[in-house]
Amino acid sequence: MDLAELTSKAASAVSGGGAFGKKVKFDFGDVGKLLIDGPGGTATNDDEDADATIKVSWDDFVKLTNGDLDGTMAFMQGKLKVEGDMSVAMQLQSLMSKFS
């Protein structure tokens, strides 16, 4: 999976609104960014303000989506950092299952 494929999957997951009503940005460093706009029902690679920003390497993100890395453990080990509203990050679990 690459960033373009992930962006497409994320857009499908949030299109038409749904249960995820926040904006969250994934910052993958040099690989790029993924901005999920729950209220707008879109996913882009824009670098805009979000309710929460999750900083994680691309490799670790792929492991998270494949179930090879636990989100809580990644956070505790410093592999995943959350800036902003932590509760938004905690709501992502159901959405993330649609990315794999």
PDB file of N, CA and C in Angstrom:
ATOM      1  N   MET A   1       0.848  -1.177   0.000  1.00  0.00           N
ATOM      2  CA  MET A   1       0.000   0.000   0.000  1.00  0.00           C
ATOM      3  C   MET A   1       0.891   1.236   0.000  1.00  0.00           C
ATOM      4  N   ASP A   2       0.481   2.250  -0.771  1.00  0.00           N
ATOM      5  CA  ASP A   2       1.194   3.517  -0.753  1.00  0.00           C
ATOM      6  C   ASP A   2       0.237   4.618  -0.283  1.00  0.00           C
ATOM      7  N   LEU A   3       0.725   5.851  -0.211  1.00  0.00           N
ATOM      8  CA  LEU A   3      -0.081   6.944   0.327  1.00  0.00           C
ATOM      9  C   LEU A   3      -1.308   7.214  -0.544  1.00  0.00           C
ATOM     10  N   ALA A   4      -1.180   7.108  -1.858  1.00  0.00           N
ATOM     11  CA  ALA A   4      -2.319   7.350  -2.746  1.00  0.00           C
ATOM     12  C   ALA A   4      -3.421   6.315  -2.504  1.00  0.00           C
ATOM     13  N   GLU A   5      -3.029   5.061  -2.341  1.00  0.00           N
ATOM     14  CA  GLU A   5      -4.013   3.999  -2.083  1.00  0.00           C
ATOM     15  C   GLU A   5      -4.677   4.202  -0.724  1.00  0.00           C
ATOM     16  N   LEU A   6      -3.886   4.572   0.273  1.00  0.00           N
ATOM     17  CA  LEU A   6      -4.434   4.833   1.603  1.00  0.00           C
ATOM     18  C   LEU A   6      -5.424   5.993   1.562  1.00  0.00           C
ATOM     19  N   THR A   7      -5.071   7.049   0.851  1.00  0.00           N
ATOM     20  CA  THR A   7      -5.948   8.216   0.745  1.00  0.00           C
ATOM     21  C   THR A   7      -7.274   7.826   0.102  1.00  0.00           C
ATOM     22  N   SER A   8      -7.216   6.995  -0.920  1.00  0.00           N
ATOM     23  CA  SER A   8      -8.427   6.519  -1.586  1.00  0.00           C
ATOM     24  C   SER A   8      -9.296   5.687  -0.636  1.00  0.00           C
ATOM     25  N   LYS A   9      -8.669   4.780   0.111  1.00  0.00           N
ATOM     26  CA  LYS A   9      -9.416   3.959   1.077  1.00  0.00           C
ATOM     27  C   LYS A   9     -10.028   4.820   2.175  1.00  0.00           C
ATOM     28  N   ALA A  10      -9.271   5.808   2.651  1.00  0.00           N
ATOM     29  CA  ALA A  10      -9.773   6.693   3.699  1.00  0.00           C
ATOM     30  C   ALA A  10     -10.940   7.520   3.179  1.00  0.00           C
ATOM     31  N   ALA A  11     -10.846   7.982   1.932  1.00  0.00           N
ATOM     32  CA  ALA A  11     -11.933   8.767   1.341  1.00  0.00           C
ATOM     33  C   ALA A  11     -13.204   7.927   1.245  1.00  0.00           C
ATOM     34  N   SER A  12     -13.057   6.675   0.861  1.00  0.00           N
ATOM     35  CA  SER A  12     -14.220   5.780   0.784  1.00  0.00           C
ATOM     36  C   SER A  12     -14.820   5.544   2.163  1.00  0.00           C
ATOM     37  N   ALA A  13     -13.956   5.425   3.166  1.00  0.00           N
ATOM     38  CA  ALA A  13     -14.415   5.130   4.528  1.00  0.00           C
ATOM     39  C   ALA A  13     -15.212   6.278   5.137  1.00  0.00           C
ATOM     40  N   VAL A  14     -14.902   7.519   4.757  1.00  0.00           N
ATOM     41  CA  VAL A  14     -15.580   8.668   5.375  1.00  0.00           C
ATOM     42  C   VAL A  14     -16.555   9.371   4.436  1.00  0.00           C
ATOM     43  N   SER A  15     -16.666   8.914   3.195  1.00  0.00           N
ATOM     44  CA  SER A  15     -17.572   9.575   2.256  1.00  0.00           C
ATOM     45  C   SER A  15     -19.006   9.482   2.757  1.00  0.00           C
ATOM     46  N   GLY A  16     -19.736  10.552   2.560  1.00  0.00           N
ATOM     47  CA  GLY A  16     -21.129  10.567   3.009  1.00  0.00           C
ATOM     48  C   GLY A  16     -21.276  10.768   4.500  1.00  0.00           C
ATOM     49  N   GLY A  17     -20.247  11.288   5.144  1.00  0.00           N
ATOM     50  CA  GLY A  17     -20.326  11.524   6.585  1.00  0.00           C
ATOM     51  C   GLY A  17     -20.071  10.252   7.353  1.00  0.00           C
ATOM     52  N   GLY A  18     -20.932   9.938   8.275  1.00  0.00           N
ATOM     53  CA  GLY A  18     -20.757   8.717   9.057  1.00  0.00           C
ATOM     54  C   GLY A  18     -20.504   9.014  10.510  1.00  0.00           C
ATOM     55  N   ALA A  19     -19.968   8.028  11.190  1.00  0.00           N
ATOM     56  CA  ALA A  19     -19.795   8.112  12.640  1.00  0.00           C
ATOM     57  C   ALA A  19     -18.594   8.948  13.056  1.00  0.00           C
ATOM     58  N   PHE A  20     -17.617   9.131  12.160  1.00  0.00           N
ATOM     59  CA  PHE A  20     -16.415   9.869  12.542  1.00  0.00           C
ATOM     60  C   PHE A  20     -16.619  11.351  12.242  1.00  0.00           C
ATOM     61  N   GLY A  21     -16.798  12.156  13.278  1.00  0.00           N
ATOM     62  CA  GLY A  21     -17.151  13.562  13.103  1.00  0.00           C
ATOM     63  C   GLY A  21     -16.047  14.545  13.427  1.00  0.00           C
ATOM     64  N   LYS A  22     -14.805  14.174  13.256  1.00  0.00           N
ATOM     65  CA  LYS A  22     -13.677  15.055  13.579  1.00  0.00           C
ATOM     66  C   LYS A  22     -12.714  15.130  12.399  1.00  0.00           C
ATOM     67  N   LYS A  23     -11.734  16.032  12.535  1.00  0.00           N
ATOM     68  CA  LYS A  23     -10.649  16.114  11.557  1.00  0.00           C
ATOM     69  C   LYS A  23      -9.387  15.571  12.214  1.00  0.00           C
ATOM     70  N   VAL A  24      -8.719  14.672  11.517  1.00  0.00           N
ATOM     71  CA  VAL A  24      -7.473  14.119  12.030  1.00  0.00           C
ATOM     72  C   VAL A  24      -6.454  14.091  10.899  1.00  0.00           C
ATOM     73  N   LYS A  25      -5.226  14.403  11.266  1.00  0.00           N
ATOM     74  CA  LYS A  25      -4.147  14.406  10.279  1.00  0.00           C
ATOM     75  C   LYS A  25      -3.100  13.385  10.700  1.00  0.00           C
ATOM     76  N   PHE A  26      -2.724  12.529   9.751  1.00  0.00           N
ATOM     77  CA  PHE A  26      -1.608  11.617   9.945  1.00  0.00           C
ATOM     78  C   PHE A  26      -0.394  12.241   9.286  1.00  0.00           C
ATOM     79  N   ASP A  27       0.681  12.375  10.037  1.00  0.00           N
ATOM     80  CA  ASP A  27       1.930  12.918   9.509  1.00  0.00           C
ATOM     81  C   ASP A  27       2.921  11.773   9.410  1.00  0.00           C
ATOM     82  N   PHE A  28       3.230  11.380   8.168  1.00  0.00           N
ATOM     83  CA  PHE A  28       4.144  10.270   7.923  1.00  0.00           C
ATOM     84  C   PHE A  28       5.560  10.745   7.612  1.00  0.00           C
ATOM     85  N   GLY A  29       5.892  11.975   7.997  1.00  0.00           N
ATOM     86  CA  GLY A  29       7.229  12.507   7.731  1.00  0.00           C
ATOM     87  C   GLY A  29       7.433  12.753   6.246  1.00  0.00           C
ATOM     88  N   ASP A  30       8.534  12.253   5.702  1.00  0.00           N
ATOM     89  CA  ASP A  30       8.879  12.483   4.299  1.00  0.00           C
ATOM     90  C   ASP A  30       7.900  11.845   3.318  1.00  0.00           C
ATOM     91  N   VAL A  31       7.148  10.848   3.763  1.00  0.00           N
ATOM     92  CA  VAL A  31       6.197  10.158   2.883  1.00  0.00           C
ATOM     93  C   VAL A  31       5.016  11.065   2.546  1.00  0.00           C
ATOM     94  N   GLY A  32       4.611  11.909   3.481  1.00  0.00           N
ATOM     95  CA  GLY A  32       3.498  12.830   3.257  1.00  0.00           C
ATOM     96  C   GLY A  32       2.514  12.835   4.405  1.00  0.00           C
ATOM     97  N   LYS A  33       1.338  13.372   4.119  1.00  0.00           N
ATOM     98  CA  LYS A  33       0.309  13.507   5.145  1.00  0.00           C
ATOM     99  C   LYS A  33      -1.028  12.996   4.618  1.00  0.00           C
ATOM    100  N   LEU A  34      -1.870  12.606   5.538  1.00  0.00           N
ATOM    101  CA  LEU A  34      -3.236  12.209   5.223  1.00  0.00           C
ATOM    102  C   LEU A  34      -4.144  12.987   6.152  1.00  0.00           C
ATOM    103  N   LEU A  35      -5.035  13.797   5.577  1.00  0.00           N
ATOM    104  CA  LEU A  35      -5.992  14.571   6.355  1.00  0.00           C
ATOM    105  C   LEU A  35      -7.375  13.960   6.151  1.00  0.00           C
ATOM    106  N   ILE A  36      -7.955  13.473   7.233  1.00  0.00           N
ATOM    107  CA  ILE A  36      -9.299  12.904   7.190  1.00  0.00           C
ATOM    108  C   ILE A  36     -10.254  13.926   7.798  1.00  0.00           C
ATOM    109  N   ASP A  37     -11.183  14.376   6.986  1.00  0.00           N
ATOM    110  CA  ASP A  37     -12.180  15.356   7.408  1.00  0.00           C
ATOM    111  C   ASP A  37     -13.512  14.617   7.549  1.00  0.00           C
ATOM    112  N   GLY A  38     -13.778  14.128   8.751  1.00  0.00           N
ATOM    113  CA  GLY A  38     -15.009  13.377   9.004  1.00  0.00           C
ATOM    114  C   GLY A  38     -16.266  14.160   8.686  1.00  0.00           C
ATOM    115  N   PRO A  39     -16.395  15.406   9.206  1.00  0.00           N
ATOM    116  CA  PRO A  39     -17.613  16.173   8.911  1.00  0.00           C
ATOM    117  C   PRO A  39     -17.786  16.455   7.418  1.00  0.00           C
ATOM    118  N   GLY A  40     -16.679  16.670   6.715  1.00  0.00           N
ATOM    119  CA  GLY A  40     -16.747  16.947   5.284  1.00  0.00           C
ATOM    120  C   GLY A  40     -16.834  15.694   4.434  1.00  0.00           C
ATOM    121  N   GLY A  41     -16.560  14.541   5.036  1.00  0.00           N
ATOM    122  CA  GLY A  41     -16.612  13.280   4.310  1.00  0.00           C
ATOM    123  C   GLY A  41     -15.528  13.143   3.257  1.00  0.00           C
ATOM    124  N   THR A  42     -14.336  13.723   3.545  1.00  0.00           N
ATOM    125  CA  THR A  42     -13.243  13.677   2.574  1.00  0.00           C
ATOM    126  C   THR A  42     -11.946  13.221   3.226  1.00  0.00           C
ATOM    127  N   ALA A  43     -11.033  12.806   2.378  1.00  0.00           N
ATOM    128  CA  ALA A  43      -9.665  12.485   2.801  1.00  0.00           C
ATOM    129  C   ALA A  43      -8.742  13.007   1.707  1.00  0.00           C
ATOM    130  N   THR A  44      -7.744  13.799   2.118  1.00  0.00           N
ATOM    131  CA  THR A  44      -6.814  14.397   1.170  1.00  0.00           C
ATOM    132  C   THR A  44      -5.398  14.295   1.720  1.00  0.00           C
ATOM    133  N   ASN A  45      -4.464  14.798   0.969  1.00  0.00           N
ATOM    134  CA  ASN A  45      -3.078  14.849   1.430  1.00  0.00           C
ATOM    135  C   ASN A  45      -2.680  16.271   1.806  1.00  0.00           C
ATOM    136  N   ASP A  46      -3.674  17.095   2.116  1.00  0.00           N
ATOM    137  CA  ASP A  46      -3.440  18.484   2.489  1.00  0.00           C
ATOM    138  C   ASP A  46      -2.841  18.578   3.890  1.00  0.00           C
ATOM    139  N   ASP A  47      -2.109  19.649   4.104  1.00  0.00           N
ATOM    140  CA  ASP A  47      -1.506  19.912   5.410  1.00  0.00           C
ATOM    141  C   ASP A  47      -2.284  21.050   6.059  1.00  0.00           C
ATOM    142  N   GLU A  48      -3.441  20.722   6.613  1.00  0.00           N
ATOM    143  CA  GLU A  48      -4.312  21.705   7.247  1.00  0.00           C
ATOM    144  C   GLU A  48      -4.425  21.417   8.738  1.00  0.00           C
ATOM    145  N   ASP A  49      -5.001  22.373   9.452  1.00  0.00           N
ATOM    146  CA  ASP A  49      -5.252  22.177  10.878  1.00  0.00           C
ATOM    147  C   ASP A  49      -6.250  21.047  11.073  1.00  0.00           C
ATOM    148  N   ALA A  50      -6.077  20.314  12.172  1.00  0.00           N
ATOM    149  CA  ALA A  50      -6.959  19.202  12.495  1.00  0.00           C
ATOM    150  C   ALA A  50      -7.188  19.170  13.996  1.00  0.00           C
ATOM    151  N   ASP A  51      -8.213  18.436  14.415  1.00  0.00           N
ATOM    152  CA  ASP A  51      -8.489  18.286  15.848  1.00  0.00           C
ATOM    153  C   ASP A  51      -7.356  17.529  16.538  1.00  0.00           C
ATOM    154  N   ALA A  52      -6.738  16.610  15.803  1.00  0.00           N
ATOM    155  CA  ALA A  52      -5.600  15.844  16.319  1.00  0.00           C
ATOM    156  C   ALA A  52      -4.660  15.530  15.166  1.00  0.00           C
ATOM    157  N   THR A  53      -3.369  15.544  15.465  1.00  0.00           N
ATOM    158  CA  THR A  53      -2.348  15.139  14.499  1.00  0.00           C
ATOM    159  C   THR A  53      -1.620  13.943  15.070  1.00  0.00           C
ATOM    160  N   ILE A  54      -1.539  12.896  14.272  1.00  0.00           N
ATOM    161  CA  ILE A  54      -0.855  11.676  14.687  1.00  0.00           C
ATOM    162  C   ILE A  54       0.424  11.557  13.873  1.00  0.00           C
ATOM    163  N   LYS A  55       1.541  11.564  14.561  1.00  0.00           N
ATOM    164  CA  LYS A  55       2.839  11.425  13.904  1.00  0.00           C
ATOM    165  C   LYS A  55       3.308   9.989  14.067  1.00  0.00           C
ATOM    166  N   VAL A  56       3.542   9.348  12.931  1.00  0.00           N
ATOM    167  CA  VAL A  56       3.954   7.945  12.936  1.00  0.00           C
ATOM    168  C   VAL A  56       4.703   7.683  11.632  1.00  0.00           C
ATOM    169  N   SER A  57       5.699   6.825  11.682  1.00  0.00           N
ATOM    170  CA  SER A  57       6.406   6.486  10.447  1.00  0.00           C
ATOM    171  C   SER A  57       5.483   5.682   9.543  1.00  0.00           C
ATOM    172  N   TRP A  58       5.734   5.735   8.247  1.00  0.00           N
ATOM    173  CA  TRP A  58       4.913   4.986   7.294  1.00  0.00           C
ATOM    174  C   TRP A  58       4.958   3.490   7.603  1.00  0.00           C
ATOM    175  N   ASP A  59       6.160   2.977   7.868  1.00  0.00           N
ATOM    176  CA  ASP A  59       6.297   1.544   8.153  1.00  0.00           C
ATOM    177  C   ASP A  59       5.485   1.124   9.374  1.00  0.00           C
ATOM    178  N   ASP A  60       5.531   1.928  10.427  1.00  0.00           N
ATOM    179  CA  ASP A  60       4.761   1.598  11.628  1.00  0.00           C
ATOM    180  C   ASP A  60       3.259   1.725  11.376  1.00  0.00           C
ATOM    181  N   PHE A  61       2.850   2.683  10.548  1.00  0.00           N
ATOM    182  CA  PHE A  61       1.434   2.823  10.222  1.00  0.00           C
ATOM    183  C   PHE A  61       0.925   1.577   9.487  1.00  0.00           C
ATOM    184  N   VAL A  62       1.719   1.098   8.546  1.00  0.00           N
ATOM    185  CA  VAL A  62       1.337  -0.118   7.811  1.00  0.00           C
ATOM    186  C   VAL A  62       1.204  -1.286   8.784  1.00  0.00           C
ATOM    187  N   LYS A  63       2.124  -1.385   9.737  1.00  0.00           N
ATOM    188  CA  LYS A  63       2.031  -2.448  10.743  1.00  0.00           C
ATOM    189  C   LYS A  63       0.761  -2.305  11.582  1.00  0.00           C
ATOM    190  N   LEU A  64       0.395  -1.062  11.915  1.00  0.00           N
ATOM    191  CA  LEU A  64      -0.829  -0.820  12.683  1.00  0.00           C
ATOM    192  C   LEU A  64      -2.058  -1.275  11.907  1.00  0.00           C
ATOM    193  N   THR A  65      -2.121  -0.924  10.622  1.00  0.00           N
ATOM    194  CA  THR A  65      -3.300  -1.282   9.831  1.00  0.00           C
ATOM    195  C   THR A  65      -3.379  -2.782   9.563  1.00  0.00           C
ATOM    196  N   ASN A  66      -2.226  -3.438   9.517  1.00  0.00           N
ATOM    197  CA  ASN A  66      -2.211  -4.891   9.297  1.00  0.00           C
ATOM    198  C   ASN A  66      -2.427  -5.684  10.580  1.00  0.00           C
ATOM    199  N   GLY A  67      -2.434  -4.999  11.720  1.00  0.00           N
ATOM    200  CA  GLY A  67      -2.600  -5.681  12.992  1.00  0.00           C
ATOM    201  C   GLY A  67      -1.309  -6.254  13.545  1.00  0.00           C
ATOM    202  N   ASP A  68      -0.173  -5.863  12.940  1.00  0.00           N
ATOM    203  CA  ASP A  68       1.124  -6.354  13.406  1.00  0.00           C
ATOM    204  C   ASP A  68       1.713  -5.487  14.515  1.00  0.00           C
ATOM    205  N   LEU A  69       1.087  -4.349  14.794  1.00  0.00           N
ATOM    206  CA  LEU A  69       1.544  -3.445  15.845  1.00  0.00           C
ATOM    207  C   LEU A  69       0.312  -2.905  16.552  1.00  0.00           C
ATOM    208  N   ASP A  70       0.294  -2.990  17.865  1.00  0.00           N
ATOM    209  CA  ASP A  70      -0.807  -2.490  18.681  1.00  0.00           C
ATOM    210  C   ASP A  70      -0.659  -0.984  18.869  1.00  0.00           C
ATOM    211  N   GLY A  71      -1.740  -0.248  18.666  1.00  0.00           N
ATOM    212  CA  GLY A  71      -1.701   1.210  18.789  1.00  0.00           C
ATOM    213  C   GLY A  71      -1.264   1.694  20.158  1.00  0.00           C
ATOM    214  N   THR A  72      -1.742   1.045  21.193  1.00  0.00           N
ATOM    215  CA  THR A  72      -1.360   1.438  22.557  1.00  0.00           C
ATOM    216  C   THR A  72       0.132   1.210  22.787  1.00  0.00           C
ATOM    217  N   MET A  73       0.628   0.078  22.327  1.00  0.00           N
ATOM    218  CA  MET A  73       2.052  -0.214  22.481  1.00  0.00           C
ATOM    219  C   MET A  73       2.897   0.764  21.664  1.00  0.00           C
ATOM    220  N   ALA A  74       2.442   1.081  20.461  1.00  0.00           N
ATOM    221  CA  ALA A  74       3.169   2.037  19.618  1.00  0.00           C
ATOM    222  C   ALA A  74       3.248   3.395  20.316  1.00  0.00           C
ATOM    223  N   PHE A  75       2.150   3.803  20.951  1.00  0.00           N
ATOM    224  CA  PHE A  75       2.130   5.063  21.675  1.00  0.00           C
ATOM    225  C   PHE A  75       3.079   5.013  22.865  1.00  0.00           C
ATOM    226  N   MET A  76       3.013   3.930  23.628  1.00  0.00           N
ATOM    227  CA  MET A  76       3.859   3.789  24.826  1.00  0.00           C
ATOM    228  C   MET A  76       5.346   3.745  24.465  1.00  0.00           C
ATOM    229  N   GLN A  77       5.671   3.185  23.305  1.00  0.00           N
ATOM    230  CA  GLN A  77       7.065   3.072  22.868  1.00  0.00           C
ATOM    231  C   GLN A  77       7.548   4.321  22.135  1.00  0.00           C
ATOM    232  N   GLY A  78       6.669   5.314  21.969  1.00  0.00           N
ATOM    233  CA  GLY A  78       7.050   6.540  21.292  1.00  0.00           C
ATOM    234  C   GLY A  78       7.062   6.426  19.769  1.00  0.00           C
ATOM    235  N   LYS A  79       6.525   5.344  19.230  1.00  0.00           N
ATOM    236  CA  LYS A  79       6.471   5.172  17.781  1.00  0.00           C
ATOM    237  C   LYS A  79       5.307   5.942  17.173  1.00  0.00           C
ATOM    238  N   LEU A  80       4.360   6.310  18.008  1.00  0.00           N
ATOM    239  CA  LEU A  80       3.178   7.039  17.587  1.00  0.00           C
ATOM    240  C   LEU A  80       2.994   8.197  18.568  1.00  0.00           C
ATOM    241  N   LYS A  81       2.905   9.411  18.039  1.00  0.00           N
ATOM    242  CA  LYS A  81       2.733  10.585  18.891  1.00  0.00           C
ATOM    243  C   LYS A  81       1.462  11.304  18.484  1.00  0.00           C
ATOM    244  N   VAL A  82       0.724  11.779  19.481  1.00  0.00           N
ATOM    245  CA  VAL A  82      -0.536  12.472  19.232  1.00  0.00           C
ATOM    246  C   VAL A  82      -0.415  13.907  19.723  1.00  0.00           C
ATOM    247  N   GLU A  83      -0.737  14.839  18.831  1.00  0.00           N
ATOM    248  CA  GLU A  83      -0.797  16.256  19.197  1.00  0.00           C
ATOM    249  C   GLU A  83      -2.248  16.693  19.068  1.00  0.00           C
ATOM    250  N   GLY A  84      -2.736  17.423  20.038  1.00  0.00           N
ATOM    251  CA  GLY A  84      -4.126  17.873  20.001  1.00  0.00           C
ATOM    252  C   GLY A  84      -5.010  16.996  20.869  1.00  0.00           C
ATOM    253  N   ASP A  85      -6.219  16.791  20.412  1.00  0.00           N
ATOM    254  CA  ASP A  85      -7.250  16.098  21.181  1.00  0.00           C
ATOM    255  C   ASP A  85      -7.032  14.573  21.166  1.00  0.00           C
ATOM    256  N   MET A  86      -6.564  14.042  22.263  1.00  0.00           N
ATOM    257  CA  MET A  86      -6.281  12.607  22.368  1.00  0.00           C
ATOM    258  C   MET A  86      -7.543  11.765  22.160  1.00  0.00           C
ATOM    259  N   SER A  87      -8.688  12.270  22.555  1.00  0.00           N
ATOM    260  CA  SER A  87      -9.920  11.492  22.403  1.00  0.00           C
ATOM    261  C   SER A  87     -10.245  11.244  20.924  1.00  0.00           C
ATOM    262  N   VAL A  88      -9.835  12.154  20.053  1.00  0.00           N
ATOM    263  CA  VAL A  88     -10.051  11.960  18.615  1.00  0.00           C
ATOM    264  C   VAL A  88      -9.248  10.761  18.138  1.00  0.00           C
ATOM    265  N   ALA A  89      -8.010  10.674  18.579  1.00  0.00           N
ATOM    266  CA  ALA A  89      -7.161   9.551  18.195  1.00  0.00           C
ATOM    267  C   ALA A  89      -7.753   8.232  18.682  1.00  0.00           C
ATOM    268  N   MET A  90      -8.357   8.243  19.845  1.00  0.00           N
ATOM    269  CA  MET A  90      -8.922   7.018  20.398  1.00  0.00           C
ATOM    270  C   MET A  90     -10.161   6.570  19.619  1.00  0.00           C
ATOM    271  N   GLN A  91     -10.824   7.488  18.925  1.00  0.00           N
ATOM    272  CA  GLN A  91     -12.014   7.160  18.138  1.00  0.00           C
ATOM    273  C   GLN A  91     -11.659   6.548  16.782  1.00  0.00           C
ATOM    274  N   LEU A  92     -10.392   6.539  16.431  1.00  0.00           N
ATOM    275  CA  LEU A  92      -9.966   6.100  15.105  1.00  0.00           C
ATOM    276  C   LEU A  92      -9.985   4.593  14.889  1.00  0.00           C
ATOM    277  N   GLN A  93     -10.049   3.817  15.922  1.00  0.00           N
ATOM    278  CA  GLN A  93      -9.901   2.379  15.790  1.00  0.00           C
ATOM    279  C   GLN A  93     -10.887   1.768  14.792  1.00  0.00           C
ATOM    280  N   SER A  94     -12.142   2.163  14.860  1.00  0.00           N
ATOM    281  CA  SER A  94     -13.131   1.597  13.942  1.00  0.00           C
ATOM    282  C   SER A  94     -12.874   2.051  12.510  1.00  0.00           C
ATOM    283  N   LEU A  95     -12.402   3.261  12.342  1.00  0.00           N
ATOM    284  CA  LEU A  95     -12.089   3.778  11.007  1.00  0.00           C
ATOM    285  C   LEU A  95     -10.851   3.099  10.429  1.00  0.00           C
ATOM    286  N   MET A  96      -9.859   2.866  11.270  1.00  0.00           N
ATOM    287  CA  MET A  96      -8.605   2.260  10.810  1.00  0.00           C
ATOM    288  C   MET A  96      -8.817   0.852  10.261  1.00  0.00           C
ATOM    289  N   SER A  97      -9.811   0.147  10.764  1.00  0.00           N
ATOM    290  CA  SER A  97     -10.049  -1.213  10.277  1.00  0.00           C
ATOM    291  C   SER A  97     -10.442  -1.217   8.796  1.00  0.00           C
ATOM    292  N   LYS A  98     -10.921  -0.101   8.299  1.00  0.00           N
ATOM    293  CA  LYS A  98     -11.319   0.018   6.891  1.00  0.00           C
ATOM    294  C   LYS A  98     -10.136   0.325   5.967  1.00  0.00           C
ATOM    295  N   PHE A  99      -8.965   0.593   6.552  1.00  0.00           N
ATOM    296  CA  PHE A  99      -7.800   0.973   5.760  1.00  0.00           C
ATOM    297  C   PHE A  99      -6.982  -0.218   5.286  1.00  0.00           C
ATOM    298  N   SER A 100      -7.158  -1.373   5.920  1.00  0.00           N
ATOM    299  CA  SER A 100      -6.300  -2.515   5.567  1.00  0.00           C
ATOM    300  C   SER A 100      -6.814  -3.256   4.355  1.00  0.00           C
TER     301      SER A 100
END
